[in-house]
Each structure stands twice: as structure tokens, then as C-alpha cells.
Amino acid sequence: MPVGNEGRSDLCLFIEPLREDYWLNPGEVFTVGPESEDIDVWFETFVSKDCITVWLYEDGDAAKLLVGYTVIDADGNLLECGHQRPSGQKFSAAGPVMD
């Protein structure tokens, strides 16, 4: 699933349930997908101020949370949690705190 930032400020891609964050600069596109191509993944997304939260489910079953996923940039580079995270970024129990 491609996620793009067409805004003017950084955008947080927050993946649950592992609470991992990836930050897109304006104009960037990342792709979220399963580690294994043999899995049928369904995505549930929630949008809030400057943040998109994504849940991945195997076969669309909410009881089958998928934790084996990858986030890849437009050049095909595998990204790690915290990619481009702004310094001093704060988090709450619900995820990143967006001012």
C-alpha cells in the first residue's frame, strides 16, 4: 500500500500494533507491505493531524494482526522504525503527539 505525503510538512506513518513510526518529508512516498508475498493483507487506516495510522490484517481478519511487514521508500530501500523522526518528537500511549 503506497502512502504519500502531498502536504507541506512532515507526515508520520505509524504502524500498529508494534507502534513503529516512519516520517515522510513533503513529496515522499513509502510502500507498506507484508514481508511475505504469500499473504493476503488488508489494511485499515486512520488519519489524524499530520499522522496516518495503519493496521495490517491477514485475510481481512481483525483477529489476525500482521506484524511481519516492510516499509520501503521510492528507491526500494528498506526503512527502519524511526526513519527521519524529528528530534524531540514526543509520544503518548496513543502514538506520536502532533502539535
PDB file of N, CA and C in Angstrom:
ATOM      1  N   MET A   1       0.846  -1.162   0.000  1.00  0.00           N
ATOM      2  CA  MET A   1       0.000   0.000   0.000  1.00  0.00           C
ATOM      3  C   MET A   1       0.897   1.233   0.000  1.00  0.00           C
ATOM      4  N   PRO A   2       0.825   2.050  -1.037  1.00  0.00           N
ATOM      5  CA  PRO A   2       1.613   3.275  -1.046  1.00  0.00           C
ATOM      6  C   PRO A   2       1.010   4.324  -0.115  1.00  0.00           C
ATOM      7  N   VAL A   3       1.886   5.061   0.555  1.00  0.00           N
ATOM      8  CA  VAL A   3       1.486   6.175   1.409  1.00  0.00           C
ATOM      9  C   VAL A   3       2.322   7.371   0.971  1.00  0.00           C
ATOM     10  N   GLY A   4       1.663   8.434   0.546  1.00  0.00           N
ATOM     11  CA  GLY A   4       2.384   9.604   0.066  1.00  0.00           C
ATOM     12  C   GLY A   4       2.080  10.838   0.889  1.00  0.00           C
ATOM     13  N   ASN A   5       3.051  11.734   0.943  1.00  0.00           N
ATOM     14  CA  ASN A   5       2.885  12.997   1.646  1.00  0.00           C
ATOM     15  C   ASN A   5       2.798  14.118   0.619  1.00  0.00           C
ATOM     16  N   GLU A   6       1.593  14.587   0.376  1.00  0.00           N
ATOM     17  CA  GLU A   6       1.390  15.688  -0.555  1.00  0.00           C
ATOM     18  C   GLU A   6       1.234  17.014   0.173  1.00  0.00           C
ATOM     19  N   GLY A   7       1.503  17.008   1.480  1.00  0.00           N
ATOM     20  CA  GLY A   7       1.383  18.229   2.276  1.00  0.00           C
ATOM     21  C   GLY A   7       2.651  19.063   2.254  1.00  0.00           C
ATOM     22  N   ARG A   8       2.675  20.035   3.150  1.00  0.00           N
ATOM     23  CA  ARG A   8       3.806  20.966   3.237  1.00  0.00           C
ATOM     24  C   ARG A   8       4.676  20.721   4.460  1.00  0.00           C
ATOM     25  N   SER A   9       4.279  19.763   5.296  1.00  0.00           N
ATOM     26  CA  SER A   9       5.057  19.459   6.499  1.00  0.00           C
ATOM     27  C   SER A   9       5.272  17.954   6.585  1.00  0.00           C
ATOM     28  N   ASP A  10       6.121  17.544   7.521  1.00  0.00           N
ATOM     29  CA  ASP A  10       6.389  16.116   7.698  1.00  0.00           C
ATOM     30  C   ASP A  10       5.105  15.371   8.044  1.00  0.00           C
ATOM     31  N   LEU A  11       5.038  14.111   7.618  1.00  0.00           N
ATOM     32  CA  LEU A  11       3.888  13.256   7.888  1.00  0.00           C
ATOM     33  C   LEU A  11       4.377  11.989   8.562  1.00  0.00           C
ATOM     34  N   CYS A  12       3.726  11.619   9.654  1.00  0.00           N
ATOM     35  CA  CYS A  12       4.083  10.398  10.371  1.00  0.00           C
ATOM     36  C   CYS A  12       3.261   9.231   9.841  1.00  0.00           C
ATOM     37  N   LEU A  13       3.945   8.162   9.498  1.00  0.00           N
ATOM     38  CA  LEU A  13       3.309   6.880   9.191  1.00  0.00           C
ATOM     39  C   LEU A  13       3.520   6.028  10.430  1.00  0.00           C
ATOM     40  N   PHE A  14       2.438   5.699  11.127  1.00  0.00           N
ATOM     41  CA  PHE A  14       2.509   4.992  12.404  1.00  0.00           C
ATOM     42  C   PHE A  14       1.870   3.624  12.227  1.00  0.00           C
ATOM     43  N   ILE A  15       2.633   2.553  12.476  1.00  0.00           N
ATOM     44  CA  ILE A  15       2.139   1.202  12.220  1.00  0.00           C
ATOM     45  C   ILE A  15       1.876   0.486  13.539  1.00  0.00           C
ATOM     46  N   GLU A  16       0.652   0.014  13.670  1.00  0.00           N
ATOM     47  CA  GLU A  16       0.219  -0.727  14.853  1.00  0.00           C
ATOM     48  C   GLU A  16       0.198  -2.217  14.541  1.00  0.00           C
ATOM     49  N   PRO A  17       0.285  -3.111  15.482  1.00  0.00           N
ATOM     50  CA  PRO A  17       0.312  -2.868  16.923  1.00  0.00           C
ATOM     51  C   PRO A  17       1.718  -2.658  17.475  1.00  0.00           C
ATOM     52  N   LEU A  18       2.738  -2.648  16.619  1.00  0.00           N
ATOM     53  CA  LEU A  18       4.111  -2.541  17.112  1.00  0.00           C
ATOM     54  C   LEU A  18       4.515  -1.109  17.443  1.00  0.00           C
ATOM     55  N   ARG A  19       3.650  -0.138  17.128  1.00  0.00           N
ATOM     56  CA  ARG A  19       3.900   1.265  17.455  1.00  0.00           C
ATOM     57  C   ARG A  19       5.188   1.779  16.817  1.00  0.00           C
ATOM     58  N   GLU A  20       5.384   1.456  15.544  1.00  0.00           N
ATOM     59  CA  GLU A  20       6.580   1.893  14.830  1.00  0.00           C
ATOM     60  C   GLU A  20       6.250   3.112  13.969  1.00  0.00           C
ATOM     61  N   ASP A  21       7.176   4.072  13.961  1.00  0.00           N
ATOM     62  CA  ASP A  21       6.946   5.317  13.239  1.00  0.00           C
ATOM     63  C   ASP A  21       7.973   5.516  12.132  1.00  0.00           C
ATOM     64  N   TYR A  22       7.494   6.055  11.022  1.00  0.00           N
ATOM     65  CA  TYR A  22       8.299   6.387   9.844  1.00  0.00           C
ATOM     66  C   TYR A  22       7.825   7.770   9.400  1.00  0.00           C
ATOM     67  N   TRP A  23       8.746   8.651   9.062  1.00  0.00           N
ATOM     68  CA  TRP A  23       8.381  10.032   8.767  1.00  0.00           C
ATOM     69  C   TRP A  23       8.667  10.369   7.307  1.00  0.00           C
ATOM     70  N   LEU A  24       7.645  10.874   6.638  1.00  0.00           N
ATOM     71  CA  LEU A  24       7.751  11.251   5.231  1.00  0.00           C
ATOM     72  C   LEU A  24       7.907  12.763   5.113  1.00  0.00           C
ATOM     73  N   ASN A  25       8.893  13.184   4.351  1.00  0.00           N
ATOM     74  CA  ASN A  25       9.023  14.594   4.004  1.00  0.00           C
ATOM     75  C   ASN A  25       8.008  14.901   2.911  1.00  0.00           C
ATOM     76  N   PRO A  26       7.660  16.178   2.725  1.00  0.00           N
ATOM     77  CA  PRO A  26       6.753  16.524   1.632  1.00  0.00           C
ATOM     78  C   PRO A  26       7.261  15.967   0.298  1.00  0.00           C
ATOM     79  N   GLY A  27       6.345  15.344  -0.453  1.00  0.00           N
ATOM     80  CA  GLY A  27       6.678  14.784  -1.758  1.00  0.00           C
ATOM     81  C   GLY A  27       7.145  13.339  -1.738  1.00  0.00           C
ATOM     82  N   GLU A  28       7.398  12.778  -0.565  1.00  0.00           N
ATOM     83  CA  GLU A  28       7.874  11.391  -0.490  1.00  0.00           C
ATOM     84  C   GLU A  28       6.716  10.400  -0.510  1.00  0.00           C
ATOM     85  N   VAL A  29       7.026   9.186  -0.987  1.00  0.00           N
ATOM     86  CA  VAL A  29       6.077   8.076  -0.990  1.00  0.00           C
ATOM     87  C   VAL A  29       6.787   6.852  -0.428  1.00  0.00           C
ATOM     88  N   PHE A  30       6.173   6.198   0.550  1.00  0.00           N
ATOM     89  CA  PHE A  30       6.651   4.929   1.095  1.00  0.00           C
ATOM     90  C   PHE A  30       5.625   3.860   0.739  1.00  0.00           C
ATOM     91  N   THR A  31       6.068   2.610   0.707  1.00  0.00           N
ATOM     92  CA  THR A  31       5.164   1.489   0.463  1.00  0.00           C
ATOM     93  C   THR A  31       5.208   0.548   1.651  1.00  0.00           C
ATOM     94  N   VAL A  32       4.032   0.226   2.181  1.00  0.00           N
ATOM     95  CA  VAL A  32       3.890  -0.710   3.297  1.00  0.00           C
ATOM     96  C   VAL A  32       3.361  -2.018   2.731  1.00  0.00           C
ATOM     97  N   GLY A  33       3.978  -3.126   3.116  1.00  0.00           N
ATOM     98  CA  GLY A  33       3.523  -4.421   2.631  1.00  0.00           C
ATOM     99  C   GLY A  33       3.998  -5.547   3.520  1.00  0.00           C
ATOM    100  N   PRO A  34       3.481  -6.747   3.302  1.00  0.00           N
ATOM    101  CA  PRO A  34       3.891  -7.898   4.107  1.00  0.00           C
ATOM    102  C   PRO A  34       5.313  -8.329   3.769  1.00  0.00           C
ATOM    103  N   GLU A  35       6.000  -8.924   4.737  1.00  0.00           N
ATOM    104  CA  GLU A  35       7.334  -9.476   4.473  1.00  0.00           C
ATOM    105  C   GLU A  35       7.260 -10.600   3.451  1.00  0.00           C
ATOM    106  N   SER A  36       6.180 -11.375   3.511  1.00  0.00           N
ATOM    107  CA  SER A  36       5.990 -12.496   2.594  1.00  0.00           C
ATOM    108  C   SER A  36       4.904 -12.149   1.583  1.00  0.00           C
ATOM    109  N   GLU A  37       5.192 -12.353   0.318  1.00  0.00           N
ATOM    110  CA  GLU A  37       4.204 -12.056  -0.719  1.00  0.00           C
ATOM    111  C   GLU A  37       3.084 -13.089  -0.770  1.00  0.00           C
ATOM    112  N   ASP A  38       3.209 -14.163   0.003  1.00  0.00           N
ATOM    113  CA  ASP A  38       2.192 -15.217   0.011  1.00  0.00           C
ATOM    114  C   ASP A  38       1.001 -14.880   0.902  1.00  0.00           C
ATOM    115  N   ILE A  39       1.026 -13.730   1.539  1.00  0.00           N
ATOM    116  CA  ILE A  39      -0.027 -13.366   2.490  1.00  0.00           C
ATOM    117  C   ILE A  39      -0.949 -12.329   1.858  1.00  0.00           C
ATOM    118  N   ASP A  40      -2.252 -12.563   1.985  1.00  0.00           N
ATOM    119  CA  ASP A  40      -3.249 -11.598   1.532  1.00  0.00           C
ATOM    120  C   ASP A  40      -3.469 -10.607   2.675  1.00  0.00           C
ATOM    121  N   VAL A  41      -3.029  -9.371   2.483  1.00  0.00           N
ATOM    122  CA  VAL A  41      -3.100  -8.375   3.548  1.00  0.00           C
ATOM    123  C   VAL A  41      -4.202  -7.362   3.274  1.00  0.00           C
ATOM    124  N   TRP A  42      -4.937  -7.046   4.318  1.00  0.00           N
ATOM    125  CA  TRP A  42      -5.912  -5.971   4.278  1.00  0.00           C
ATOM    126  C   TRP A  42      -5.389  -4.878   5.188  1.00  0.00           C
ATOM    127  N   PHE A  43      -5.610  -3.644   4.797  1.00  0.00           N
ATOM    128  CA  PHE A  43      -5.120  -2.504   5.552  1.00  0.00           C
ATOM    129  C   PHE A  43      -6.294  -1.716   6.118  1.00  0.00           C
ATOM    130  N   GLU A  44      -6.142  -1.271   7.355  1.00  0.00           N
ATOM    131  CA  GLU A  44      -7.099  -0.347   7.952  1.00  0.00           C
ATOM    132  C   GLU A  44      -6.310   0.914   8.287  1.00  0.00           C
ATOM    133  N   THR A  45      -6.800   2.061   7.857  1.00  0.00           N
ATOM    134  CA  THR A  45      -6.062   3.302   8.070  1.00  0.00           C
ATOM    135  C   THR A  45      -6.915   4.309   8.830  1.00  0.00           C
ATOM    136  N   PHE A  46      -6.226   5.094   9.630  1.00  0.00           N
ATOM    137  CA  PHE A  46      -6.853   6.171  10.387  1.00  0.00           C
ATOM    138  C   PHE A  46      -6.004   7.419  10.174  1.00  0.00           C
ATOM    139  N   VAL A  47      -6.645   8.519   9.870  1.00  0.00           N
ATOM    140  CA  VAL A  47      -5.934   9.758   9.594  1.00  0.00           C
ATOM    141  C   VAL A  47      -6.227  10.759  10.702  1.00  0.00           C
ATOM    142  N   SER A  48      -5.160  11.351  11.234  1.00  0.00           N
ATOM    143  CA  SER A  48      -5.280  12.440  12.189  1.00  0.00           C
ATOM    144  C   SER A  48      -4.308  13.529  11.755  1.00  0.00           C
ATOM    145  N   LYS A  49      -4.221  14.585  12.517  1.00  0.00           N
ATOM    146  CA  LYS A  49      -3.357  15.705  12.135  1.00  0.00           C
ATOM    147  C   LYS A  49      -1.920  15.238  11.932  1.00  0.00           C
ATOM    148  N   ASP A  50      -1.418  15.358  10.718  1.00  0.00           N
ATOM    149  CA  ASP A  50      -0.036  15.036  10.353  1.00  0.00           C
ATOM    150  C   ASP A  50       0.364  13.590  10.629  1.00  0.00           C
ATOM    151  N   CYS A  51      -0.607  12.675  10.704  1.00  0.00           N
ATOM    152  CA  CYS A  51      -0.283  11.273  11.002  1.00  0.00           C
ATOM    153  C   CYS A  51      -1.289  10.333  10.337  1.00  0.00           C
ATOM    154  N   ILE A  52      -0.764   9.250   9.787  1.00  0.00           N
ATOM    155  CA  ILE A  52      -1.598   8.165   9.269  1.00  0.00           C
ATOM    156  C   ILE A  52      -1.231   6.915  10.054  1.00  0.00           C
ATOM    157  N   THR A  53      -2.230   6.302  10.687  1.00  0.00           N
ATOM    158  CA  THR A  53      -2.014   5.067  11.435  1.00  0.00           C
ATOM    159  C   THR A  53      -2.526   3.907  10.595  1.00  0.00           C
ATOM    160  N   VAL A  54      -1.716   2.856  10.489  1.00  0.00           N
ATOM    161  CA  VAL A  54      -2.061   1.703   9.658  1.00  0.00           C
ATOM    162  C   VAL A  54      -2.033   0.434  10.500  1.00  0.00           C
ATOM    163  N   TRP A  55      -3.075  -0.359  10.360  1.00  0.00           N
ATOM    164  CA  TRP A  55      -3.141  -1.709  10.924  1.00  0.00           C
ATOM    165  C   TRP A  55      -3.150  -2.669   9.745  1.00  0.00           C
ATOM    166  N   LEU A  56      -2.408  -3.776   9.841  1.00  0.00           N
ATOM    167  CA  LEU A  56      -2.365  -4.784   8.785  1.00  0.00           C
ATOM    168  C   LEU A  56      -3.003  -6.068   9.305  1.00  0.00           C
ATOM    169  N   TYR A  57      -3.917  -6.638   8.517  1.00  0.00           N
ATOM    170  CA  TYR A  57      -4.612  -7.863   8.894  1.00  0.00           C
ATOM    171  C   TYR A  57      -4.422  -8.922   7.816  1.00  0.00           C
ATOM    172  N   GLU A  58      -4.198 -10.138   8.247  1.00  0.00           N
ATOM    173  CA  GLU A  58      -4.099 -11.256   7.310  1.00  0.00           C
ATOM    174  C   GLU A  58      -5.496 -11.694   6.910  1.00  0.00           C
ATOM    175  N   ASP A  59      -5.739 -11.775   5.614  1.00  0.00           N
ATOM    176  CA  ASP A  59      -7.027 -12.205   5.054  1.00  0.00           C
ATOM    177  C   ASP A  59      -8.198 -11.350   5.526  1.00  0.00           C
ATOM    178  N   GLY A  60      -7.935 -10.107   5.925  1.00  0.00           N
ATOM    179  CA  GLY A  60      -9.000  -9.218   6.361  1.00  0.00           C
ATOM    180  C   GLY A  60      -9.601  -9.567   7.701  1.00  0.00           C
ATOM    181  N   ASP A  61      -8.975 -10.477   8.433  1.00  0.00           N
ATOM    182  CA  ASP A  61      -9.482 -10.929   9.727  1.00  0.00           C
ATOM    183  C   ASP A  61      -8.844 -10.097  10.838  1.00  0.00           C
ATOM    184  N   ALA A  62      -9.649  -9.298  11.535  1.00  0.00           N
ATOM    185  CA  ALA A  62      -9.130  -8.423  12.594  1.00  0.00           C
ATOM    186  C   ALA A  62      -8.484  -9.198  13.736  1.00  0.00           C
ATOM    187  N   ALA A  63      -8.761 -10.484  13.828  1.00  0.00           N
ATOM    188  CA  ALA A  63      -8.125 -11.315  14.859  1.00  0.00           C
ATOM    189  C   ALA A  63      -6.730 -11.772  14.431  1.00  0.00           C
ATOM    190  N   LYS A  64      -6.383 -11.554  13.164  1.00  0.00           N
ATOM    191  CA  LYS A  64      -5.079 -11.983  12.637  1.00  0.00           C
ATOM    192  C   LYS A  64      -4.223 -10.765  12.303  1.00  0.00           C
ATOM    193  N   LEU A  65      -3.747 -10.085  13.345  1.00  0.00           N
ATOM    194  CA  LEU A  65      -2.876  -8.931  13.131  1.00  0.00           C
ATOM    195  C   LEU A  65      -1.577  -9.379  12.492  1.00  0.00           C
ATOM    196  N   LEU A  66      -1.139  -8.652  11.509  1.00  0.00           N
ATOM    197  CA  LEU A  66       0.106  -8.977  10.819  1.00  0.00           C
ATOM    198  C   LEU A  66       1.217  -8.087  11.363  1.00  0.00           C
ATOM    199  N   VAL A  67       2.245  -8.699  11.929  1.00  0.00           N
ATOM    200  CA  VAL A  67       3.367  -7.924  12.466  1.00  0.00           C
ATOM    201  C   VAL A  67       4.614  -8.066  11.596  1.00  0.00           C
ATOM    202  N   GLY A  68       4.583  -8.944  10.611  1.00  0.00           N
ATOM    203  CA  GLY A  68       5.709  -9.107   9.691  1.00  0.00           C
ATOM    204  C   GLY A  68       5.488  -8.270   8.445  1.00  0.00           C
ATOM    205  N   TYR A  69       5.965  -7.034   8.473  1.00  0.00           N
ATOM    206  CA  TYR A  69       5.743  -6.126   7.349  1.00  0.00           C
ATOM    207  C   TYR A  69       7.035  -5.381   7.025  1.00  0.00           C
ATOM    208  N   THR A  70       7.031  -4.700   5.886  1.00  0.00           N
ATOM    209  CA  THR A  70       8.162  -3.860   5.493  1.00  0.00           C
ATOM    210  C   THR A  70       7.645  -2.481   5.104  1.00  0.00           C
ATOM    211  N   VAL A  71       8.519  -1.499   5.242  1.00  0.00           N
ATOM    212  CA  VAL A  71       8.266  -0.150   4.739  1.00  0.00           C
ATOM    213  C   VAL A  71       9.444   0.184   3.831  1.00  0.00           C
ATOM    214  N   ILE A  72       9.134   0.538   2.591  1.00  0.00           N
ATOM    215  CA  ILE A  72      10.158   0.753   1.563  1.00  0.00           C
ATOM    216  C   ILE A  72       9.968   2.144   0.962  1.00  0.00           C
ATOM    217  N   ASP A  73      11.079   2.839   0.696  1.00  0.00           N
ATOM    218  CA  ASP A  73      10.973   4.159   0.067  1.00  0.00           C
ATOM    219  C   ASP A  73      10.897   4.019  -1.456  1.00  0.00           C
ATOM    220  N   ALA A  74      10.798   5.145  -2.148  1.00  0.00           N
ATOM    221  CA  ALA A  74      10.621   5.140  -3.607  1.00  0.00           C
ATOM    222  C   ALA A  74      11.813   4.551  -4.352  1.00  0.00           C
ATOM    223  N   ASP A  75      12.987   4.511  -3.704  1.00  0.00           N
ATOM    224  CA  ASP A  75      14.180   3.930  -4.327  1.00  0.00           C
ATOM    225  C   ASP A  75      14.343   2.449  -4.009  1.00  0.00           C
ATOM    226  N   GLY A  76      13.380   1.866  -3.277  1.00  0.00           N
ATOM    227  CA  GLY A  76      13.450   0.451  -2.932  1.00  0.00           C
ATOM    228  C   GLY A  76      14.238   0.149  -1.674  1.00  0.00           C
ATOM    229  N   ASN A  77      14.604   1.176  -0.910  1.00  0.00           N
ATOM    230  CA  ASN A  77      15.354   0.967   0.331  1.00  0.00           C
ATOM    231  C   ASN A  77      14.427   0.555   1.463  1.00  0.00           C
ATOM    232  N   LEU A  78      14.821  -0.475   2.187  1.00  0.00           N
ATOM    233  CA  LEU A  78      14.078  -0.929   3.358  1.00  0.00           C
ATOM    234  C   LEU A  78      14.319   0.062   4.490  1.00  0.00           C
ATOM    235  N   LEU A  79      13.250   0.576   5.072  1.00  0.00           N
ATOM    236  CA  LEU A  79      13.365   1.587   6.120  1.00  0.00           C
ATOM    237  C   LEU A  79      13.199   0.961   7.497  1.00  0.00           C
ATOM    238  N   GLU A  80      13.819   1.581   8.486  1.00  0.00           N
ATOM    239  CA  GLU A  80      13.719   1.115   9.865  1.00  0.00           C
ATOM    240  C   GLU A  80      12.838   2.064  10.663  1.00  0.00           C
ATOM    241  N   CYS A  81      12.271   1.539  11.746  1.00  0.00           N
ATOM    242  CA  CYS A  81      11.471   2.346  12.658  1.00  0.00           C
ATOM    243  C   CYS A  81      12.258   3.595  13.041  1.00  0.00           C
ATOM    244  N   GLY A  82      11.574   4.732  13.066  1.00  0.00           N
ATOM    245  CA  GLY A  82      12.207   5.990  13.423  1.00  0.00           C
ATOM    246  C   GLY A  82      12.800   6.730  12.243  1.00  0.00           C
ATOM    247  N   HIS A  83      12.612   6.196  11.033  1.00  0.00           N
ATOM    248  CA  HIS A  83      13.173   6.832   9.834  1.00  0.00           C
ATOM    249  C   HIS A  83      12.742   8.299   9.769  1.00  0.00           C
ATOM    250  N   GLN A  84      13.718   9.207   9.753  1.00  0.00           N
ATOM    251  CA  GLN A  84      13.509  10.654   9.639  1.00  0.00           C
ATOM    252  C   GLN A  84      12.682  11.239  10.778  1.00  0.00           C
ATOM    253  N   ARG A  85      12.649  10.563  11.926  1.00  0.00           N
ATOM    254  CA  ARG A  85      11.882  11.073  13.070  1.00  0.00           C
ATOM    255  C   ARG A  85      12.457  12.428  13.496  1.00  0.00           C
ATOM    256  N   PRO A  86      11.600  13.432  13.654  1.00  0.00           N
ATOM    257  CA  PRO A  86      12.091  14.736  14.104  1.00  0.00           C
ATOM    258  C   PRO A  86      12.691  14.634  15.507  1.00  0.00           C
ATOM    259  N   SER A  87      13.791  15.344  15.730  1.00  0.00           N
ATOM    260  CA  SER A  87      14.402  15.309  17.060  1.00  0.00           C
ATOM    261  C   SER A  87      13.428  15.912  18.069  1.00  0.00           C
ATOM    262  N   GLY A  88      13.376  15.300  19.236  1.00  0.00           N
ATOM    263  CA  GLY A  88      12.480  15.768  20.285  1.00  0.00           C
ATOM    264  C   GLY A  88      11.037  15.348  20.114  1.00  0.00           C
ATOM    265  N   GLN A  89      10.745  14.487  19.135  1.00  0.00           N
ATOM    266  CA  GLN A  89       9.365  14.045  18.920  1.00  0.00           C
ATOM    267  C   GLN A  89       8.843  13.374  20.178  1.00  0.00           C
ATOM    268  N   LYS A  90       7.655  13.754  20.609  1.00  0.00           N
ATOM    269  CA  LYS A  90       7.042  13.194  21.811  1.00  0.00           C
ATOM    270  C   LYS A  90       6.004  12.155  21.421  1.00  0.00           C
ATOM    271  N   PHE A  91       5.808  11.186  22.337  1.00  0.00           N
ATOM    272  CA  PHE A  91       4.829  10.123  22.129  1.00  0.00           C
ATOM    273  C   PHE A  91       3.931  10.008  23.355  1.00  0.00           C
ATOM    274  N   SER A  92       2.700   9.596  23.134  1.00  0.00           N
ATOM    275  CA  SER A  92       1.774   9.268  24.217  1.00  0.00           C
ATOM    276  C   SER A  92       1.409   7.801  24.066  1.00  0.00           C
ATOM    277  N   ALA A  93       0.533   7.310  24.912  1.00  0.00           N
ATOM    278  CA  ALA A  93       0.090   5.919  24.801  1.00  0.00           C
ATOM    279  C   ALA A  93      -0.602   5.667  23.467  1.00  0.00           C
ATOM    280  N   ALA A  94      -1.153   6.716  22.856  1.00  0.00           N
ATOM    281  CA  ALA A  94      -1.881   6.579  21.594  1.00  0.00           C
ATOM    282  C   ALA A  94      -0.999   6.748  20.367  1.00  0.00           C
ATOM    283  N   GLY A  95       0.254   7.146  20.565  1.00  0.00           N
ATOM    284  CA  GLY A  95       1.137   7.341  19.421  1.00  0.00           C
ATOM    285  C   GLY A  95       1.842   8.674  19.486  1.00  0.00           C
ATOM    286  N   PRO A  96       2.316   9.159  18.342  1.00  0.00           N
ATOM    287  CA  PRO A  96       3.054  10.421  18.343  1.00  0.00           C
ATOM    288  C   PRO A  96       2.149  11.596  18.711  1.00  0.00           C
ATOM    289  N   VAL A  97       2.705  12.524  19.464  1.00  0.00           N
ATOM    290  CA  VAL A  97       1.982  13.742  19.821  1.00  0.00           C
ATOM    291  C   VAL A  97       2.258  14.766  18.730  1.00  0.00           C
ATOM    292  N   MET A  98       1.208  15.170  18.050  1.00  0.00           N
ATOM    293  CA  MET A  98       1.345  16.116  16.945  1.00  0.00           C
ATOM    294  C   MET A  98       0.856  17.478  17.426  1.00  0.00           C
ATOM    295  N   ASP A  99       1.749  18.453  17.436  1.00  0.00           N
ATOM    296  CA  ASP A  99       1.383  19.809  17.891  1.00  0.00           C
ATOM    297  C   ASP A  99       0.680  20.578  16.813  1.00  0.00           C
TER     298      ASP A  99
END
